[in-house]
Amino acid sequence: MRFVCRNFGLSDLQRHGLAPHEAPLAVLLLDIEAELSIWEEGRVVWSEEAFPVAELAYHLALWLLSPAAGQEGFELDSMQADAGLIRIVGSDEGWRIGSTYAPDFWTSPVAWDVLVAEIKQFDRSVREGVAAMGVEPSFIPEAEDRD
């Protein structure tokens, strides 16, 4: 399982009349979008265009830093969409990713260390995409798991 981001863009920053360096955190989190897809065994199993990838990276990093990481699941409570846009749940078989927008979709279960490695890779990918747009990515906490 892996996250893939491409086609980064700033959706509404200019409409707000803001330059990236003066935009508040909430605006950056919502305005930095990309096509997000989840791949499994070399094929796309879920995809969403204009996804708030900075917001997802931000909240996943906070989740990994929290005491709940590895104990409780994750649910993206987006500022622009209903809760559950992305969900991560644990079971006896491992951790799976799904979405309330596609209730029949779940990835195959993976071990915790595999999930954490993929979240860290996603974090790096978002940071690189943000930086390539000329925006300093330091507003996104670094995804590190609690050992």
C-alpha atoms as a PDB file:
ATOM      1  CA  MET A   1       0.000   0.000   0.000  1.00  0.00           C
ATOM      2  CA  ARG A   2       1.257   3.473  -0.784  1.00  0.00           C
ATOM      3  CA  PHE A   3       0.034   7.038  -1.153  1.00  0.00           C
ATOM      4  CA  VAL A   4       0.835   8.852  -4.403  1.00  0.00           C
ATOM      5  CA  CYS A   5       0.499  12.634  -4.842  1.00  0.00           C
ATOM      6  CA  ARG A   6       0.811  14.521  -8.102  1.00  0.00           C
ATOM      7  CA  ASN A   7      -0.284  17.766  -9.735  1.00  0.00           C
ATOM      8  CA  PHE A   8       0.152  20.020  -6.717  1.00  0.00           C
ATOM      9  CA  GLY A   9      -1.597  23.360  -6.798  1.00  0.00           C
ATOM     10  CA  LEU A  10      -2.817  26.277  -4.736  1.00  0.00           C
ATOM     11  CA  SER A  11      -6.570  26.318  -5.212  1.00  0.00           C
ATOM     12  CA  ASP A  12      -7.727  29.639  -3.753  1.00  0.00           C
ATOM     13  CA  LEU A  13      -4.731  31.477  -2.337  1.00  0.00           C
ATOM     14  CA  GLN A  14      -4.779  34.160  -5.015  1.00  0.00           C
ATOM     15  CA  ARG A  15      -8.536  34.595  -4.580  1.00  0.00           C
ATOM     16  CA  HIS A  16      -7.849  35.337  -0.918  1.00  0.00           C
ATOM     17  CA  GLY A  17      -5.309  37.929  -2.041  1.00  0.00           C
ATOM     18  CA  LEU A  18      -2.529  36.241  -0.068  1.00  0.00           C
ATOM     19  CA  ALA A  19       1.016  35.263  -0.839  1.00  0.00           C
ATOM     20  CA  PRO A  20       2.006  31.834   0.544  1.00  0.00           C
ATOM     21  CA  HIS A  21       4.342  33.331   3.174  1.00  0.00           C
ATOM     22  CA  GLU A  22       1.533  35.475   4.645  1.00  0.00           C
ATOM     23  CA  ALA A  23      -1.292  32.927   4.545  1.00  0.00           C
ATOM     24  CA  PRO A  24      -2.616  31.624   7.877  1.00  0.00           C
ATOM     25  CA  LEU A  25      -2.154  27.931   8.639  1.00  0.00           C
ATOM     26  CA  ALA A  26      -5.812  27.045   7.957  1.00  0.00           C
ATOM     27  CA  VAL A  27      -5.647  28.629   4.504  1.00  0.00           C
ATOM     28  CA  LEU A  28      -2.437  26.780   3.604  1.00  0.00           C
ATOM     29  CA  LEU A  29      -3.815  23.466   4.834  1.00  0.00           C
ATOM     30  CA  LEU A  30      -6.922  23.795   2.682  1.00  0.00           C
ATOM     31  CA  ASP A  31      -5.464  25.490  -0.378  1.00  0.00           C
ATOM     32  CA  ILE A  32      -2.554  23.147  -1.051  1.00  0.00           C
ATOM     33  CA  GLU A  33      -4.133  20.360  -3.036  1.00  0.00           C
ATOM     34  CA  ALA A  34      -2.987  17.515  -5.233  1.00  0.00           C
ATOM     35  CA  GLU A  35      -4.364  14.412  -6.822  1.00  0.00           C
ATOM     36  CA  LEU A  36      -4.122  11.748  -4.118  1.00  0.00           C
ATOM     37  CA  SER A  37      -4.298   8.074  -4.929  1.00  0.00           C
ATOM     38  CA  ILE A  38      -3.779   4.932  -2.914  1.00  0.00           C
ATOM     39  CA  TRP A  39      -1.982   2.127  -4.692  1.00  0.00           C
ATOM     40  CA  GLU A  40      -1.912  -1.545  -3.855  1.00  0.00           C
ATOM     41  CA  GLU A  41      -0.019  -4.234  -5.742  1.00  0.00           C
ATOM     42  CA  GLY A  42       0.842  -1.843  -8.568  1.00  0.00           C
ATOM     43  CA  ARG A  43      -2.660  -0.509  -9.215  1.00  0.00           C
ATOM     44  CA  VAL A  44      -4.778   2.414  -8.094  1.00  0.00           C
ATOM     45  CA  VAL A  45      -7.468   1.320  -5.644  1.00  0.00           C
ATOM     46  CA  TRP A  46      -8.698   4.804  -4.666  1.00  0.00           C
ATOM     47  CA  SER A  47      -8.141   8.270  -6.099  1.00  0.00           C
ATOM     48  CA  GLU A  48      -9.368  11.797  -5.466  1.00  0.00           C
ATOM     49  CA  GLU A  49      -8.510  14.944  -7.418  1.00  0.00           C
ATOM     50  CA  ALA A  50      -7.915  18.259  -5.650  1.00  0.00           C
ATOM     51  CA  PHE A  51      -7.397  16.550  -2.283  1.00  0.00           C
ATOM     52  CA  PRO A  52      -6.166  18.679   0.653  1.00  0.00           C
ATOM     53  CA  VAL A  53      -2.878  16.785   0.912  1.00  0.00           C
ATOM     54  CA  ALA A  54      -1.216  19.362   3.176  1.00  0.00           C
ATOM     55  CA  GLU A  55      -4.066  19.018   5.645  1.00  0.00           C
ATOM     56  CA  LEU A  56      -3.804  15.211   5.533  1.00  0.00           C
ATOM     57  CA  ALA A  57      -0.017  15.301   6.014  1.00  0.00           C
ATOM     58  CA  TYR A  58      -0.417  17.749   8.906  1.00  0.00           C
ATOM     59  CA  HIS A  59      -2.979  15.601  10.743  1.00  0.00           C
ATOM     60  CA  LEU A  60      -1.198  12.306  10.062  1.00  0.00           C
ATOM     61  CA  ALA A  61       2.018  13.762  11.522  1.00  0.00           C
ATOM     62  CA  LEU A  62       0.150  14.917  14.631  1.00  0.00           C
ATOM     63  CA  TRP A  63      -1.442  11.480  14.948  1.00  0.00           C
ATOM     64  CA  LEU A  64       1.947   9.729  14.765  1.00  0.00           C
ATOM     65  CA  LEU A  65       3.264  12.086  17.453  1.00  0.00           C
ATOM     66  CA  SER A  66       0.283  11.448  19.759  1.00  0.00           C
ATOM     67  CA  PRO A  67       0.028   8.759  22.438  1.00  0.00           C
ATOM     68  CA  ALA A  68      -2.922   7.328  20.438  1.00  0.00           C
ATOM     69  CA  ALA A  69      -0.682   6.331  17.520  1.00  0.00           C
ATOM     70  CA  GLY A  70      -0.552   2.579  17.201  1.00  0.00           C
ATOM     71  CA  GLN A  71      -3.349   2.234  19.744  1.00  0.00           C
ATOM     72  CA  GLU A  72      -6.272   4.078  18.155  1.00  0.00           C
ATOM     73  CA  GLY A  73      -7.237   4.653  14.570  1.00  0.00           C
ATOM     74  CA  PHE A  74      -7.073   7.856  12.577  1.00  0.00           C
ATOM     75  CA  GLU A  75      -9.893   9.765  10.930  1.00  0.00           C
ATOM     76  CA  LEU A  76      -9.238  12.918   8.932  1.00  0.00           C
ATOM     77  CA  ASP A  77     -11.572  15.569  10.274  1.00  0.00           C
ATOM     78  CA  SER A  78     -11.095  17.943   7.364  1.00  0.00           C
ATOM     79  CA  MET A  79     -12.008  21.599   7.540  1.00  0.00           C
ATOM     80  CA  GLN A  80     -13.564  21.293   4.072  1.00  0.00           C
ATOM     81  CA  ALA A  81     -15.224  17.877   4.064  1.00  0.00           C
ATOM     82  CA  ASP A  82     -17.108  15.504   6.311  1.00  0.00           C
ATOM     83  CA  ALA A  83     -15.122  13.512   8.837  1.00  0.00           C
ATOM     84  CA  GLY A  84     -13.791  10.217   7.565  1.00  0.00           C
ATOM     85  CA  LEU A  85     -12.531  11.358   4.192  1.00  0.00           C
ATOM     86  CA  ILE A  86      -9.534   9.171   5.060  1.00  0.00           C
ATOM     87  CA  ARG A  87      -9.689   6.598   7.857  1.00  0.00           C
ATOM     88  CA  ILE A  88      -7.034   4.274   9.242  1.00  0.00           C
ATOM     89  CA  VAL A  89      -8.186   1.443  11.480  1.00  0.00           C
ATOM     90  CA  GLY A  90      -6.339  -1.323  13.243  1.00  0.00           C
ATOM     91  CA  SER A  91      -7.427  -4.939  13.520  1.00  0.00           C
ATOM     92  CA  ASP A  92      -5.901  -8.285  14.437  1.00  0.00           C
ATOM     93  CA  GLU A  93      -4.725  -8.593  10.819  1.00  0.00           C
ATOM     94  CA  GLY A  94      -3.089  -5.140  10.653  1.00  0.00           C
ATOM     95  CA  TRP A  95      -3.865  -1.536   9.687  1.00  0.00           C
ATOM     96  CA  ARG A  96      -6.204  -0.670   6.825  1.00  0.00           C
ATOM     97  CA  ILE A  97      -7.051   2.568   5.041  1.00  0.00           C
ATOM     98  CA  GLY A  98     -10.539   3.475   3.886  1.00  0.00           C
ATOM     99  CA  SER A  99     -12.902   6.373   3.284  1.00  0.00           C
ATOM    100  CA  THR A 100     -16.481   7.122   4.270  1.00  0.00           C
ATOM    101  CA  TYR A 101     -16.982   8.297   0.682  1.00  0.00           C
ATOM    102  CA  ALA A 102     -16.275   4.754  -0.539  1.00  0.00           C
ATOM    103  CA  PRO A 103     -17.648   2.537   2.260  1.00  0.00           C
ATOM    104  CA  ASP A 104     -16.768  -0.705   0.452  1.00  0.00           C
ATOM    105  CA  PHE A 105     -13.142   0.346  -0.078  1.00  0.00           C
ATOM    106  CA  TRP A 106     -10.443  -0.840   2.334  1.00  0.00           C
ATOM    107  CA  THR A 107      -6.813  -1.559   1.642  1.00  0.00           C
ATOM    108  CA  SER A 108      -5.356  -4.895   2.588  1.00  0.00           C
ATOM    109  CA  PRO A 109      -4.060  -4.921   6.171  1.00  0.00           C
ATOM    110  CA  VAL A 110      -0.420  -3.949   6.756  1.00  0.00           C
ATOM    111  CA  ALA A 111       1.827  -4.067   9.817  1.00  0.00           C
ATOM    112  CA  TRP A 112       2.243  -0.900  11.900  1.00  0.00           C
ATOM    113  CA  ASP A 113       5.843  -0.339  10.763  1.00  0.00           C
ATOM    114  CA  VAL A 114       4.773  -0.601   7.092  1.00  0.00           C
ATOM    115  CA  LEU A 115       1.999   1.947   7.673  1.00  0.00           C
ATOM    116  CA  VAL A 116       4.362   4.340   9.465  1.00  0.00           C
ATOM    117  CA  ALA A 117       6.961   4.049   6.698  1.00  0.00           C
ATOM    118  CA  GLU A 118       4.291   4.890   4.104  1.00  0.00           C
ATOM    119  CA  ILE A 119       3.026   7.871   6.120  1.00  0.00           C
ATOM    120  CA  LYS A 120       6.616   9.157   6.375  1.00  0.00           C
ATOM    121  CA  GLN A 121       7.054   8.750   2.606  1.00  0.00           C
ATOM    122  CA  PHE A 122       3.758  10.587   2.028  1.00  0.00           C
ATOM    123  CA  ASP A 123       4.966  13.363   4.351  1.00  0.00           C
ATOM    124  CA  ARG A 124       8.207  13.697   2.329  1.00  0.00           C
ATOM    125  CA  SER A 125       6.262  13.733  -0.934  1.00  0.00           C
ATOM    126  CA  VAL A 126       3.923  16.481   0.277  1.00  0.00           C
ATOM    127  CA  ARG A 127       6.844  18.532   1.618  1.00  0.00           C
ATOM    128  CA  GLU A 128       8.637  18.244  -1.736  1.00  0.00           C
ATOM    129  CA  GLY A 129       5.486  19.213  -3.648  1.00  0.00           C
ATOM    130  CA  VAL A 130       4.851  22.187  -1.366  1.00  0.00           C
ATOM    131  CA  ALA A 131       8.463  23.357  -1.660  1.00  0.00           C
ATOM    132  CA  ALA A 132       8.338  23.009  -5.471  1.00  0.00           C
ATOM    133  CA  MET A 133       5.459  25.531  -5.460  1.00  0.00           C
ATOM    134  CA  GLY A 134       7.666  27.995  -3.592  1.00  0.00           C
ATOM    135  CA  VAL A 135       5.998  27.481  -0.207  1.00  0.00           C
ATOM    136  CA  GLU A 136       8.109  26.709   2.870  1.00  0.00           C
ATOM    137  CA  PRO A 137       6.744  23.331   4.152  1.00  0.00           C
ATOM    138  CA  SER A 138       7.741  23.848   7.796  1.00  0.00           C
ATOM    139  CA  PHE A 139       4.079  24.386   8.770  1.00  0.00           C
ATOM    140  CA  ILE A 140       3.644  20.602   8.430  1.00  0.00           C
ATOM    141  CA  PRO A 141       5.056  18.750  11.461  1.00  0.00           C
ATOM    142  CA  GLU A 142       7.540  16.027  10.560  1.00  0.00           C
ATOM    143  CA  ALA A 143       5.908  12.600  10.598  1.00  0.00           C
ATOM    144  CA  GLU A 144       7.718  10.632  13.276  1.00  0.00           C
ATOM    145  CA  ASP A 145       6.255   7.720  15.176  1.00  0.00           C
ATOM    146  CA  ARG A 146       6.421   7.398  18.933  1.00  0.00           C
ATOM    147  CA  ASP A 147       8.428   4.355  19.970  1.00  0.00           C
END
